[in-house]
Amino acid sequence: MIAERYPEDVWIHAYTDGSATNAVANGGAGVLVRSPEGHTSTAGIPTGKYCSNYAAEVQAIMQAASMIHDSESECP
């Protein structure tokens, strides 16, 4: 079972959000990543003048994945 091999206390938590004005313009994305050691990293990025809510959400997820990949957290 995955919960036995990776208990909750070793999880990396990533919270993401992306949105755009009227769902189609001036998009932005926000990310918060918390490591099992308690370290927190945040990022806020513009996603484009012409950007949908969906595209902004995707950019937030991609940014979170990049931040996790670049972190120094050890894999169990």
Protein backbone atom coordinates (compact mmCIF):
# COMPACT_ATOMS: atom_id res chain seq x y z
CA MET A 1 0.00 0.00 0.00
CA ILE A 2 1.33 3.44 -0.87
CA ALA A 3 0.41 4.89 2.56
CA GLU A 4 2.70 2.34 4.23
CA ARG A 5 5.68 3.15 2.04
CA TYR A 6 5.10 6.90 2.01
CA PRO A 7 3.50 7.96 5.30
CA GLU A 8 1.94 11.42 5.44
CA ASP A 9 4.80 12.90 7.48
CA VAL A 10 7.17 12.57 4.47
CA TRP A 11 4.84 14.14 1.91
CA ILE A 12 5.65 17.37 0.14
CA HIS A 13 2.54 19.56 0.05
CA ALA A 14 1.97 21.90 -2.89
CA TYR A 15 -0.86 24.41 -3.05
CA THR A 16 -1.53 26.13 -6.38
CA ASP A 17 -3.92 28.66 -7.83
CA GLY A 18 -4.26 30.40 -11.14
CA SER A 19 -6.78 32.88 -12.40
CA ALA A 20 -7.43 35.56 -14.99
CA THR A 21 -9.58 38.67 -15.22
CA ASN A 22 -13.00 37.66 -16.58
CA ALA A 23 -11.42 34.21 -17.09
CA VAL A 24 -9.53 35.34 -20.22
CA ALA A 25 -7.01 38.14 -19.54
CA ASN A 26 -4.14 39.26 -17.30
CA GLY A 27 -3.50 35.84 -15.79
CA GLY A 28 -1.47 35.04 -12.74
CA ALA A 29 -0.43 32.00 -10.75
CA GLY A 30 0.51 31.43 -7.13
CA VAL A 31 2.32 28.52 -5.51
CA LEU A 32 3.15 27.46 -1.96
CA VAL A 33 5.29 24.35 -1.40
CA ARG A 34 5.92 22.93 2.08
CA SER A 35 8.59 20.26 2.61
CA PRO A 36 8.41 17.49 5.22
CA GLU A 37 11.12 19.36 7.13
CA GLY A 38 8.82 22.38 7.42
CA HIS A 39 10.50 24.61 4.84
CA THR A 40 8.10 26.76 2.84
CA SER A 41 8.68 28.23 -0.63
CA THR A 42 6.32 30.53 -2.49
CA ALA A 43 6.11 31.95 -5.98
CA GLY A 44 3.83 34.30 -7.84
CA ILE A 45 4.12 34.53 -11.60
CA PRO A 46 2.33 36.42 -14.37
CA THR A 47 0.89 34.05 -16.96
CA GLY A 48 0.14 36.47 -19.77
CA LYS A 49 -2.01 39.33 -20.96
CA TYR A 50 -4.20 36.89 -22.89
CA CYS A 51 -4.51 33.89 -20.60
CA SER A 52 -7.44 31.74 -19.49
CA ASN A 53 -8.11 30.56 -15.95
CA TYR A 54 -7.22 27.05 -17.10
CA ALA A 55 -3.86 28.11 -18.57
CA ALA A 56 -3.02 30.03 -15.38
CA GLU A 57 -3.87 26.95 -13.27
CA VAL A 58 -1.63 24.78 -15.47
CA GLN A 59 1.24 27.27 -15.11
CA ALA A 60 0.83 27.16 -11.32
CA ILE A 61 1.04 23.36 -11.31
CA MET A 62 4.09 23.43 -13.60
CA GLN A 63 5.78 25.98 -11.33
CA ALA A 64 5.08 23.83 -8.26
CA ALA A 65 6.54 20.76 -9.98
CA SER A 66 9.64 22.75 -10.93
CA MET A 67 10.08 24.05 -7.39
CA ILE A 68 9.77 20.53 -5.96
CA HIS A 69 12.20 19.15 -8.54
CA ASP A 70 14.74 21.88 -7.73
CA SER A 71 14.38 21.50 -3.95
CA GLU A 72 16.87 19.71 -1.76
CA SER A 73 14.29 17.48 -0.05
CA GLU A 74 15.39 13.88 0.19
CA CYS A 75 13.27 11.09 -1.23
CA PRO A 76 12.42 8.41 1.34
